[in-house]
Protein backbone atom coordinates (compact mmCIF):
# COMPACT_ATOMS: atom_id res chain seq x y z
CA TYR A 1 -80.99 -21.55 -28.72
CA GLN A 2 -81.32 -17.76 -30.31
CA ARG A 3 -80.64 -14.26 -28.61
CA ARG A 4 -81.49 -10.85 -30.16
CA VAL A 5 -78.21 -8.63 -29.92
CA HIS A 6 -78.85 -5.00 -31.22
CA GLY A 7 -81.70 -6.06 -33.09
CA GLU A 8 -80.33 -9.11 -34.94
CA LEU A 9 -81.27 -12.42 -34.09
CA ILE A 10 -78.09 -14.80 -33.28
CA ARG A 11 -78.05 -18.50 -33.10
CA PHE A 12 -75.80 -19.85 -30.24
CA GLU A 13 -74.76 -23.25 -30.31
CA TRP A 14 -73.83 -24.56 -26.56
CA MET A 15 -70.81 -26.94 -26.66
CA GLU A 16 -71.83 -28.14 -23.01
CA SER A 17 -74.90 -28.11 -20.91
CA PRO A 18 -75.99 -24.47 -20.32
CA SER A 19 -75.84 -25.16 -16.77
CA THR A 20 -72.25 -25.77 -16.45
CA SER A 21 -70.76 -23.35 -19.25
CA LEU A 22 -69.90 -20.36 -18.33
CA LEU A 23 -70.14 -18.53 -21.72
CA GLN A 24 -70.70 -19.10 -25.30
CA VAL A 25 -69.59 -17.11 -28.38
CA ALA A 26 -70.72 -16.69 -32.13
CA ILE A 27 -69.33 -14.78 -34.99
CA PRO A 28 -72.56 -13.83 -36.78
CA SER A 29 -70.93 -11.14 -39.28
CA PHE A 30 -67.90 -9.63 -40.76
CA GLN A 31 -67.15 -6.21 -42.29
CA PHE A 32 -64.44 -4.41 -44.12
CA LYS A 33 -62.76 -1.24 -42.47
CA LEU A 34 -60.04 1.18 -43.93
CA VAL A 35 -56.86 0.63 -41.92
CA GLU A 36 -54.26 1.77 -44.30
CA LYS A 37 -55.69 -0.60 -46.58
CA SER A 38 -59.03 -2.37 -46.57
CA VAL A 39 -59.27 -5.25 -43.82
CA CYS A 40 -61.96 -7.70 -42.78
CA PHE A 41 -63.08 -7.45 -39.07
CA TYR A 42 -64.78 -10.49 -37.79
CA GLU A 43 -67.83 -9.58 -35.26
CA ILE A 44 -67.61 -11.38 -32.00
CA VAL A 45 -70.60 -12.09 -29.68
CA VAL A 46 -70.23 -13.17 -26.19
CA ASN A 47 -72.87 -14.34 -23.87
CA THR A 48 -72.29 -15.32 -20.19
CA PHE A 49 -74.50 -17.94 -18.38
CA ASP A 50 -76.12 -15.23 -16.53
CA GLY A 51 -77.24 -13.32 -19.78
CA ARG A 52 -75.01 -10.61 -20.18
CA THR A 53 -73.52 -10.11 -23.99
CA TRP A 54 -71.00 -7.89 -25.30
CA GLN A 55 -69.50 -7.36 -28.89
CA ILE A 56 -65.89 -7.38 -29.98
CA GLU A 57 -64.10 -7.14 -33.21
CA LYS A 58 -61.03 -9.07 -34.31
CA ARG A 59 -58.88 -9.19 -37.17
CA PHE A 60 -57.51 -12.88 -38.59
CA ARG A 61 -54.10 -12.05 -37.34
CA ASP A 62 -55.43 -11.58 -33.86
CA PHE A 63 -56.71 -15.12 -34.15
CA ASP A 64 -53.52 -16.16 -35.33
CA MET A 65 -51.66 -14.58 -32.44
CA LEU A 66 -53.78 -16.23 -29.77
CA HIS A 67 -53.56 -19.52 -31.66
CA ARG A 68 -49.45 -19.29 -31.56
CA ALA A 69 -49.71 -18.59 -27.83
CA LEU A 70 -52.24 -21.28 -26.92
CA LYS A 71 -50.26 -23.96 -29.14
CA ARG A 72 -47.01 -23.29 -26.69
CA LEU A 73 -48.82 -24.21 -23.72
CA PHE A 74 -51.81 -26.41 -24.52
CA ALA A 75 -51.99 -29.83 -25.96
CA ASN A 76 -54.66 -30.69 -28.83
CA VAL A 77 -55.40 -27.09 -29.60
CA PRO A 78 -57.81 -27.30 -32.66
CA ASP A 79 -56.78 -26.10 -36.10
CA LEU A 80 -56.91 -22.80 -36.96
CA PRO A 81 -58.14 -21.89 -40.78
CA SER A 82 -54.96 -21.51 -42.78
CA LYS A 83 -53.14 -18.27 -43.90
CA THR A 84 -53.49 -17.28 -47.40
CA PHE A 85 -50.81 -15.44 -49.31
CA PHE A 86 -53.37 -12.96 -50.72
CA ALA A 87 -56.07 -10.95 -49.23
CA MET A 88 -59.42 -12.83 -49.45
CA LEU A 89 -61.92 -10.58 -51.37
CA HIS A 90 -64.74 -12.97 -52.34
CA LYS A 91 -67.62 -13.02 -50.10
CA ASP A 92 -67.96 -16.92 -50.41
CA HIS A 93 -64.46 -17.31 -49.07
CA ILE A 94 -64.75 -14.86 -46.34
CA GLU A 95 -67.97 -16.52 -45.26
CA ASN A 96 -66.46 -19.96 -45.01
CA ARG A 97 -63.45 -18.60 -42.89
CA ARG A 98 -65.93 -16.92 -40.69
CA ALA A 99 -67.72 -20.22 -40.05
CA HIS A 100 -64.52 -21.78 -39.32
CA LEU A 101 -63.29 -19.31 -37.00
CA GLN A 102 -66.68 -19.42 -35.19
CA SER A 103 -66.23 -23.24 -35.00
CA TYR A 104 -62.55 -22.77 -33.72
CA LEU A 105 -63.62 -19.94 -31.19
CA GLN A 106 -66.54 -22.28 -29.91
CA THR A 107 -64.32 -25.15 -29.13
CA LEU A 108 -61.75 -23.32 -27.18
CA VAL A 109 -64.51 -21.80 -24.87
CA ALA A 110 -65.68 -25.35 -24.36
CA ARG A 111 -62.07 -26.23 -23.15
CA ARG A 112 -61.99 -25.23 -19.48
CA ASP A 113 -58.29 -25.16 -19.30
CA ILE A 114 -58.07 -22.78 -22.40
CA LEU A 115 -61.18 -20.71 -21.15
CA ASN A 116 -59.12 -20.21 -18.04
CA SER A 117 -56.23 -19.07 -19.69
CA GLU A 118 -55.04 -15.35 -19.65
CA PHE A 119 -54.90 -15.47 -23.48
CA LEU A 120 -58.33 -16.28 -24.30
CA CYS A 121 -59.43 -14.06 -21.36
CA ASP A 122 -57.59 -11.10 -22.92
CA PHE A 123 -58.93 -12.10 -26.40
CA LEU A 124 -62.49 -11.94 -25.40
CA GLU A 125 -62.10 -9.06 -22.97
CA ILE A 126 -63.92 -11.39 -20.29
CA ASP A 127 -61.47 -9.46 -17.52
CA LYS A 128 -63.06 -6.31 -18.58
CA LYS A 129 -66.85 -7.32 -19.17
CA ALA A 130 -67.15 -10.20 -16.47
CA PRO A 131 -63.94 -10.27 -14.34
CA GLU A 132 -65.79 -12.43 -11.74
CA LEU A 133 -65.71 -15.38 -14.35
CA VAL A 134 -61.63 -15.14 -14.45
CA VAL A 135 -60.15 -17.56 -12.29
CA LYS A 136 -57.83 -16.51 -9.75
CA PRO A 137 -54.45 -17.31 -10.91
CA PRO A 138 -51.57 -19.07 -8.90
CA LYS A 139 -49.14 -16.68 -7.49
CA VAL A 140 -45.21 -17.02 -7.45
CA LEU A 141 -44.33 -16.64 -3.82
CA PHE A 142 -40.59 -17.45 -4.58
CA ASP A 143 -38.37 -18.34 -7.27
CA MET A 144 -35.04 -19.89 -6.15
CA ASN A 145 -33.11 -19.35 -9.35
CA SER A 146 -29.50 -19.31 -7.73
CA PHE A 147 -28.61 -22.77 -8.53
CA VAL A 148 -25.52 -23.62 -10.48
CA PHE A 149 -26.87 -26.93 -11.80
CA GLY A 150 -30.60 -27.99 -12.82
CA VAL A 151 -32.66 -29.43 -10.02
CA ARG A 152 -33.25 -33.47 -10.14
CA ASP A 153 -34.89 -33.40 -6.64
CA PHE A 154 -35.51 -31.88 -3.37
CA ILE A 155 -36.73 -32.33 0.37
CA TYR A 156 -38.86 -29.34 1.86
CA GLU A 157 -40.11 -29.45 5.42
CA PRO A 158 -42.06 -26.03 5.70
CA ASP A 159 -42.45 -26.21 9.38
CA LYS A 160 -38.78 -26.46 10.05
CA GLY A 161 -37.76 -24.09 6.96
CA LEU A 162 -35.40 -26.94 5.80
CA LEU A 163 -34.64 -27.45 2.12
CA ILE A 164 -32.55 -29.94 0.74
CA THR A 165 -31.73 -30.06 -3.09
CA ALA A 166 -30.36 -32.40 -5.50
CA VAL A 167 -28.44 -30.36 -8.26
CA SER A 168 -26.82 -32.04 -11.46
CA ASP A 169 -25.24 -30.87 -14.60
CA MET A 170 -28.11 -31.49 -17.42
CA ASN A 171 -25.61 -30.66 -20.51
CA PRO A 172 -24.58 -34.03 -22.03
CA ALA A 173 -21.35 -32.92 -23.43
CA SER A 174 -20.19 -31.05 -19.96
CA ARG A 175 -21.15 -34.44 -18.38
CA LEU A 176 -19.36 -36.66 -20.81
CA ASP A 177 -16.19 -34.12 -20.42
CA SER A 178 -16.33 -34.61 -16.58
CA TYR A 179 -16.75 -38.28 -16.59
CA LEU A 180 -13.74 -38.69 -18.74
CA THR A 181 -11.88 -36.56 -16.47
CA ASN A 182 -12.79 -38.44 -13.20
CA PHE A 183 -12.38 -41.59 -15.08
CA ARG A 184 -9.62 -43.66 -13.28
CA LEU A 185 -8.02 -47.09 -14.35
CA PRO A 186 -7.94 -49.92 -11.36
CA TRP A 187 -4.05 -49.40 -10.97
CA GLU A 188 -4.15 -45.60 -10.82
CA ASP A 189 -3.95 -43.90 -7.34
CA ASP A 190 -6.75 -41.59 -6.67
CA THR A 191 -5.71 -40.52 -3.18
CA ASN A 192 -4.97 -37.05 -4.14
CA MET A 193 -6.97 -37.06 -7.40
CA THR A 194 -9.14 -33.93 -7.97
CA LEU A 195 -12.47 -34.79 -9.33
CA ILE A 196 -14.92 -32.47 -11.09
CA THR A 197 -18.22 -31.97 -9.72
CA VAL A 198 -21.17 -33.33 -11.87
CA GLY A 199 -23.77 -33.36 -8.87
CA ALA A 200 -24.24 -32.06 -5.57
CA VAL A 201 -26.70 -31.96 -2.75
CA GLU A 202 -26.89 -28.74 -1.13
CA CYS A 203 -28.75 -27.82 2.31
CA TYR A 204 -30.56 -24.69 2.94
CA ILE A 205 -32.64 -23.23 6.08
CA GLN A 206 -35.41 -20.61 5.85
CA ALA A 207 -34.19 -17.53 7.58
CA ASP A 208 -37.73 -16.16 8.31
CA ALA A 209 -40.72 -18.02 8.38
CA GLN A 210 -42.83 -15.35 6.93
CA GLU A 211 -40.42 -14.67 4.07
CA PHE A 212 -39.13 -17.02 1.33
CA LYS A 213 -35.43 -16.32 2.12
CA PHE A 214 -32.94 -19.34 2.41
CA ASP A 215 -29.25 -19.32 3.71
CA LYS A 216 -27.27 -21.89 2.32
CA LEU A 217 -25.74 -24.14 5.18
CA TRP A 218 -23.49 -26.70 3.37
CA SER A 219 -23.08 -28.50 0.06
CA LYS A 220 -21.59 -31.88 -0.96
CA GLY A 221 -20.45 -32.48 -4.38
CA PHE A 222 -20.60 -35.91 -6.24
CA PRO A 223 -18.33 -36.91 -9.46
CA SER A 224 -21.76 -38.28 -10.76
CA GLN A 225 -25.30 -36.72 -11.37
CA VAL A 226 -27.23 -36.83 -8.26
CA ILE A 227 -30.61 -38.16 -9.13
CA CYS A 228 -32.70 -38.67 -6.31
CA LEU A 229 -33.11 -38.32 -2.46
CA ASP A 230 -34.99 -39.69 0.21
CA TRP A 231 -35.09 -38.04 3.89
CA ASP A 232 -36.40 -39.49 6.98
CA PRO A 233 -37.32 -36.60 9.53
CA LYS A 234 -36.98 -38.98 12.70
CA THR A 235 -33.28 -39.90 12.11
CA CYS A 236 -32.32 -37.23 10.02
CA HIS A 237 -30.83 -39.64 7.52
CA LEU A 238 -30.34 -38.32 3.95
CA ALA A 239 -30.11 -41.17 1.23
CA VAL A 240 -28.49 -39.95 -1.96
CA GLY A 241 -28.80 -41.95 -5.33
CA GLN A 242 -26.69 -41.22 -8.21
CA ASP A 243 -26.01 -41.58 -11.98
CA ASP A 244 -23.40 -44.24 -11.48
CA GLY A 245 -25.51 -46.54 -9.17
CA LYS A 246 -23.67 -45.34 -6.01
CA VAL A 247 -25.72 -44.26 -2.80
CA ASP A 248 -24.58 -42.33 -0.05
CA ILE A 249 -26.39 -41.90 3.13
CA LEU A 250 -25.44 -38.73 5.32
CA SER A 251 -26.47 -38.06 8.90
CA VAL A 252 -27.61 -34.26 9.20
CA ALA A 253 -27.49 -32.64 12.75
CA SER A 254 -30.94 -31.65 13.40
CA ASP A 255 -29.67 -30.60 17.06
CA MET A 256 -27.31 -28.15 15.43
CA ASN A 257 -30.01 -26.80 13.19
CA TYR A 258 -28.90 -28.94 10.13
CA ILE A 259 -25.39 -26.87 9.88
CA LYS A 260 -23.42 -30.14 9.67
CA PHE A 261 -23.48 -33.67 8.42
CA GLN A 262 -21.35 -36.97 8.34
CA GLN A 263 -21.26 -39.69 6.17
CA VAL A 264 -23.07 -43.02 7.33
CA PHE A 265 -22.51 -45.08 4.43
CA SER A 266 -21.38 -45.08 0.71
CA GLY A 267 -21.45 -47.93 -1.62
CA GLN A 268 -21.95 -49.07 -5.25
CA LEU A 269 -25.71 -50.72 -4.93
CA HIS A 270 -26.58 -50.66 -8.34
CA SER A 271 -24.75 -51.17 -11.72
CA ALA A 272 -26.86 -48.29 -13.41
CA ARG A 273 -28.55 -45.07 -12.45
CA VAL A 274 -30.57 -45.07 -9.12
CA MET A 275 -33.92 -44.11 -9.62
CA GLY A 276 -35.64 -44.16 -6.34
CA LEU A 277 -34.88 -44.34 -2.63
CA PHE A 278 -37.13 -44.89 0.44
CA ILE A 279 -35.60 -45.18 4.12
CA ASP A 280 -37.29 -47.49 6.69
CA ASN A 281 -36.57 -45.99 10.18
CA GLU A 282 -38.53 -48.83 11.85
CA ARG A 283 -35.95 -51.38 10.52
CA ASN A 284 -33.11 -49.25 9.41
CA ASN A 285 -33.43 -50.38 5.80
CA LEU A 286 -32.72 -48.47 2.86
CA TYR A 287 -34.83 -49.64 -0.06
CA SER A 288 -33.50 -48.63 -3.67
CA ILE A 289 -34.18 -49.00 -7.34
CA GLY A 290 -32.13 -48.42 -10.41
CA GLU A 291 -32.23 -48.81 -14.15
CA ASP A 292 -30.29 -52.05 -13.67
CA LYS A 293 -33.73 -53.46 -13.09
CA ARG A 294 -33.21 -54.33 -9.23
CA LEU A 295 -34.36 -53.66 -6.22
CA VAL A 296 -31.68 -54.01 -3.31
CA VAL A 297 -32.40 -53.82 0.52
CA THR A 298 -29.40 -52.27 2.30
CA ASP A 299 -28.75 -52.02 6.04
CA VAL A 300 -28.44 -48.13 6.91
CA TYR A 301 -25.72 -48.19 9.21
CA THR A 302 -23.51 -51.18 7.98
CA GLY A 303 -24.25 -50.95 4.00
CA SER A 304 -24.68 -54.74 4.01
CA ILE A 305 -26.95 -56.08 1.45
CA LEU A 306 -29.93 -57.70 2.96
CA ALA A 307 -31.76 -58.75 -0.35
CA GLU A 308 -31.61 -57.85 -4.18
CA LEU A 309 -34.42 -58.94 -6.25
CA THR A 310 -34.83 -58.56 -10.44
CA VAL A 311 -37.97 -56.77 -10.76
CA SER A 312 -38.81 -56.28 -14.32
CA THR A 313 -37.31 -56.85 -17.49
CA SER A 314 -37.50 -53.23 -18.52
CA ALA A 315 -35.33 -50.41 -16.65
CA LEU A 316 -37.17 -49.31 -13.40
CA THR A 317 -38.26 -45.58 -13.39
CA TYR A 318 -39.77 -44.55 -10.15
CA LEU A 319 -40.25 -46.00 -6.49
CA LEU A 320 -43.03 -44.98 -4.15
CA VAL A 321 -43.80 -46.47 -0.98
CA ASP A 322 -47.19 -46.23 1.11
CA LYS A 323 -45.70 -46.32 4.83
CA GLU A 324 -48.90 -47.49 6.32
CA THR A 325 -49.53 -50.59 4.59
CA LYS A 326 -45.76 -51.33 3.83
CA ARG A 327 -46.63 -51.35 -0.10
CA ALA A 328 -43.91 -50.40 -2.69
CA PHE A 329 -44.87 -49.27 -6.22
CA ILE A 330 -42.29 -49.54 -8.80
CA SER A 331 -42.81 -48.63 -12.20
CA ASP A 332 -40.69 -49.57 -15.27
CA ARG A 333 -40.25 -48.38 -19.16
CA ALA A 334 -42.78 -51.09 -20.09
CA ASN A 335 -46.14 -49.50 -18.80
CA THR A 336 -46.20 -51.62 -15.54
CA VAL A 337 -46.28 -50.82 -11.93
CA ASN A 338 -44.85 -53.76 -9.78
CA ILE A 339 -46.45 -53.83 -6.34
CA PHE A 340 -44.15 -55.40 -3.52
CA ASP A 341 -45.38 -56.14 -0.01
CA LEU A 342 -42.30 -54.70 1.96
CA THR A 343 -43.16 -56.80 5.30
CA PRO A 344 -40.87 -59.86 4.67
CA ASN A 345 -37.29 -59.98 3.71
CA PRO A 346 -36.87 -59.98 0.84
CA PRO A 347 -40.00 -58.18 -0.10
CA SER A 348 -42.58 -60.37 -1.91
CA LEU A 349 -44.23 -59.50 -5.22
CA VAL A 350 -48.11 -58.77 -4.90
CA HIS A 351 -49.05 -58.17 -8.43
CA ASN A 352 -47.97 -56.73 -11.78
CA LEU A 353 -50.29 -54.16 -12.55
CA THR A 354 -50.23 -53.50 -16.46
CA LEU A 355 -51.41 -49.91 -17.54
CA ASN A 356 -53.39 -48.85 -20.45
CA CYS A 357 -50.75 -46.32 -21.86
CA ARG A 358 -47.70 -47.09 -24.00
CA GLY A 359 -44.06 -46.70 -22.76
CA ALA A 360 -42.32 -45.90 -19.79
CA ILE A 361 -43.87 -44.83 -16.42
CA ARG A 362 -42.11 -41.51 -15.21
CA GLY A 363 -44.52 -40.59 -12.06
CA LEU A 364 -46.77 -42.15 -9.57
CA ALA A 365 -48.81 -40.51 -6.67
CA PHE A 366 -51.17 -42.50 -4.23
CA ASP A 367 -54.18 -41.47 -2.12
CA ALA A 368 -53.95 -43.76 1.01
CA GLY A 369 -57.56 -43.14 1.86
CA LYS A 370 -58.98 -43.99 -1.35
CA ASN A 371 -56.39 -46.54 -2.25
CA PHE A 372 -56.08 -44.58 -5.73
CA LEU A 373 -53.06 -45.07 -7.59
CA PHE A 374 -52.07 -42.07 -10.25
CA THR A 375 -49.68 -42.84 -13.09
CA ALA A 376 -47.95 -40.81 -15.89
CA CYS A 377 -46.89 -42.06 -18.83
CA TYR A 378 -44.08 -40.20 -20.70
CA ASP A 379 -44.22 -41.52 -24.33
CA ASP A 380 -48.15 -40.94 -24.83
CA GLY A 381 -48.93 -38.54 -21.96
CA ILE A 382 -51.48 -40.76 -20.62
CA VAL A 383 -52.40 -40.04 -16.75
CA GLY A 384 -53.95 -42.92 -15.27
CA ILE A 385 -56.47 -43.40 -12.26
CA TYR A 386 -56.50 -46.89 -10.84
CA ASP A 387 -58.31 -48.04 -7.72
CA LEU A 388 -56.23 -50.53 -6.15
CA GLU A 389 -58.91 -52.29 -3.58
CA LYS A 390 -57.48 -52.82 -0.16
CA PRO A 391 -54.30 -54.43 0.68
CA GLY A 392 -54.05 -58.00 -0.61
CA ARG A 393 -56.69 -57.61 -3.13
CA GLU A 394 -54.41 -55.80 -5.72
CA LYS A 395 -54.86 -58.17 -8.41
CA TYR A 396 -58.66 -56.90 -8.64
CA ALA A 397 -57.34 -53.19 -9.58
CA LYS A 398 -59.24 -51.60 -12.09
CA CYS A 399 -58.44 -48.89 -14.10
CA LEU A 400 -61.09 -45.55 -13.10
CA ALA A 401 -59.71 -43.30 -15.95
CA ASN A 402 -57.24 -42.59 -18.77
CA LEU A 403 -56.64 -39.01 -19.27
CA ALA A 404 -55.09 -37.73 -22.30
CA ASP A 405 -52.32 -35.18 -21.25
CA LYS A 406 -49.28 -33.75 -23.21
CA GLN A 407 -46.84 -36.32 -24.61
CA ARG A 408 -43.62 -36.54 -22.73
CA SER A 409 -45.30 -36.28 -19.18
CA ARG A 410 -42.50 -36.46 -16.40
CA PHE A 411 -44.33 -35.98 -13.19
CA VAL A 412 -47.33 -36.48 -11.33
CA THR A 413 -48.85 -35.50 -7.66
CA TRP A 414 -52.11 -35.22 -6.22
CA SER A 415 -54.26 -32.97 -3.82
CA ALA A 416 -56.88 -35.24 -2.03
CA ALA A 417 -58.26 -31.95 -0.37
CA ARG A 418 -58.69 -30.14 -3.90
CA ASN A 419 -59.67 -33.43 -5.78
CA GLU A 420 -56.94 -32.21 -8.21
CA ILE A 421 -54.13 -33.55 -10.37
CA PHE A 422 -50.92 -32.14 -11.18
CA VAL A 423 -48.89 -33.36 -14.00
CA GLY A 424 -45.44 -31.73 -14.91
CA ASN A 425 -44.42 -31.68 -18.49
CA TYR A 426 -41.62 -31.72 -20.68
CA ASP A 427 -42.03 -28.01 -21.79
CA GLY A 428 -42.13 -26.73 -18.34
CA SER A 429 -46.09 -26.58 -17.86
CA VAL A 430 -47.92 -28.10 -15.25
CA THR A 431 -51.44 -29.17 -16.19
CA ILE A 432 -54.10 -29.24 -13.51
CA TRP A 433 -56.76 -31.79 -13.86
CA ASN A 434 -60.14 -31.75 -11.89
CA ALA A 435 -60.24 -35.70 -10.87
CA LYS A 436 -63.83 -35.80 -10.50
CA LYS A 437 -64.76 -34.77 -13.94
CA GLY A 438 -61.68 -35.86 -15.51
CA SER A 439 -61.09 -32.64 -17.32
CA GLN A 440 -58.14 -30.14 -17.56
CA PHE A 441 -58.98 -27.03 -15.60
CA TYR A 442 -55.62 -24.80 -15.67
CA VAL A 443 -51.94 -24.90 -17.03
CA ILE A 444 -49.44 -23.26 -15.30
CA ASN A 445 -46.31 -22.04 -17.43
CA SER A 446 -43.60 -22.38 -14.86
CA SER A 447 -40.36 -22.79 -16.74
CA GLU A 448 -38.70 -23.01 -19.95
CA GLU A 449 -37.27 -26.39 -19.54
CA ASP A 450 -38.40 -30.04 -18.15
CA ILE A 451 -40.47 -30.21 -15.21
CA THR A 452 -38.16 -32.64 -12.91
CA VAL A 453 -40.26 -32.82 -9.60
CA MET A 454 -43.14 -31.34 -7.95
CA LYS A 455 -44.60 -31.70 -4.41
CA PHE A 456 -47.75 -30.04 -2.85
CA TYR A 457 -48.24 -29.03 0.64
CA GLU A 458 -51.97 -29.30 1.38
CA ALA A 459 -52.04 -27.16 4.70
CA ARG A 460 -50.51 -24.21 2.63
CA ASN A 461 -52.03 -24.75 -0.69
CA LEU A 462 -48.19 -24.70 -1.92
CA LEU A 463 -47.06 -26.40 -4.97
CA LEU A 464 -43.20 -26.41 -5.49
CA ILE A 465 -42.09 -27.14 -9.05
CA ALA A 466 -38.31 -27.94 -9.97
CA SER A 467 -37.07 -27.79 -13.36
CA LYS A 468 -33.86 -28.47 -15.57
CA ASP A 469 -33.48 -24.69 -15.88
CA ARG A 470 -31.82 -24.45 -12.56
CA ARG A 471 -34.87 -23.00 -10.35
CA ILE A 472 -37.45 -24.15 -7.78
CA LYS A 473 -40.56 -22.10 -7.95
CA PHE A 474 -42.89 -21.92 -4.77
CA TRP A 475 -46.53 -21.28 -6.20
CA GLU A 476 -49.62 -20.42 -3.94
CA LEU A 477 -52.71 -21.89 -5.25
CA PRO A 478 -55.94 -20.12 -4.69
CA SER A 479 -58.40 -21.63 -2.05
CA GLU A 480 -61.21 -21.00 -4.55
CA TRP A 481 -60.49 -20.60 -8.31
CA ARG A 482 -63.49 -18.29 -8.65
CA GLU A 483 -66.13 -16.91 -6.00
CA LYS A 484 -68.10 -19.32 -4.13
CA LYS A 485 -71.32 -18.73 -5.92
CA LEU A 486 -69.82 -19.86 -9.01
CA SER A 487 -68.25 -23.03 -7.36
CA LEU A 488 -70.92 -25.14 -8.85
CA ILE A 489 -69.95 -24.37 -12.48
CA HIS A 490 -66.31 -23.27 -12.44
CA ILE A 491 -65.00 -26.52 -13.80
């Protein structure tokens, strides 16, 4: 459609339906101004969905700075017209660049995740001209960054203020040196041997329910990386999976406000890294998976192995259990989720679900109400949504959507109340997807290194994000991204 701006008729090309698009942009002209030397400025006209219009001027280097910022945070950013070594003087060349810049900017505006970023809002001056269109950004309530090692996993109970973390040395050279130091031959006496700590479990208590201040209660070191945890709040048993295939079970004294623990069991359950744990307090069983491709069922108190199964021909990557239906979802490096019924012993295979992606599955999330399974593939960044049907009908599972996120996606979690998917990435960013529309909506720049684990607490709109750079960030998400009057068009 066309609008008259300052007496000039300008054509706007809508990239989306006008009923759902917040604003559109056009670059109708350019002009040279003397700034130390003659510089070309491109006139940008911004038009909002409710008819407001404003104009701004930007140089090409402003576009270039915007582009660099977006490339660091977003996937599949469109190409910017290339720079030239010499100033463009010919009008035809500048006109060609103007057209390309207009197309570039219109593509950015059509991307809701980029439109909602502070970078594009600042560039287009949306925060000044139409502040109600700017999303309410997530807020960091607390940045817990005093860990000695990177955070591999954590348990957090907000109502009790309990935080248990698994931290490990992420430096390969340092780990190798420690492993060599800790290595002992069968005939060597290790009674008085001092081992170098490579991983640890740390327990904290929240001193004040209104403030995110945590006091450290205790720490237990391990001569191997601590990879994963599981916590049973009923029995206060903590399972600790390690890089060398060992599993420890600790009993934490809840009646003493968690200040003490004792070891219940320690054993070599796997021949390779432990990748997932689940404590069944009804039968006092521990389920564990490892990169040795095995699912092992162990008695929590005696440590005796009750069952062991080879799940896949590929290394296993993630364990997720639906406690209500006693189903276990076990992913591997060959784009498969293996679904087991945990009711019998040994567990029985229900279905091998082959996903529409390529490579290792690094994260799983499940919506028990809808029977939806969410998957995150590391190699190609595909986030899958699968309808598993009711228990017993898993072989009829169907793919509802494949969402293209960043490559090397590391974790996925889900909010049923918000209808949002959270995907943690290798670069420290978290992509928030609107599941209903299958579109990226917002990207959180949480850390400088890989996201390792995330957990969302619905009642508090609280997203905890742990990463390799030795921190856990407590993010509060807005209950409404924008004002309610814009709720129908904000995504």
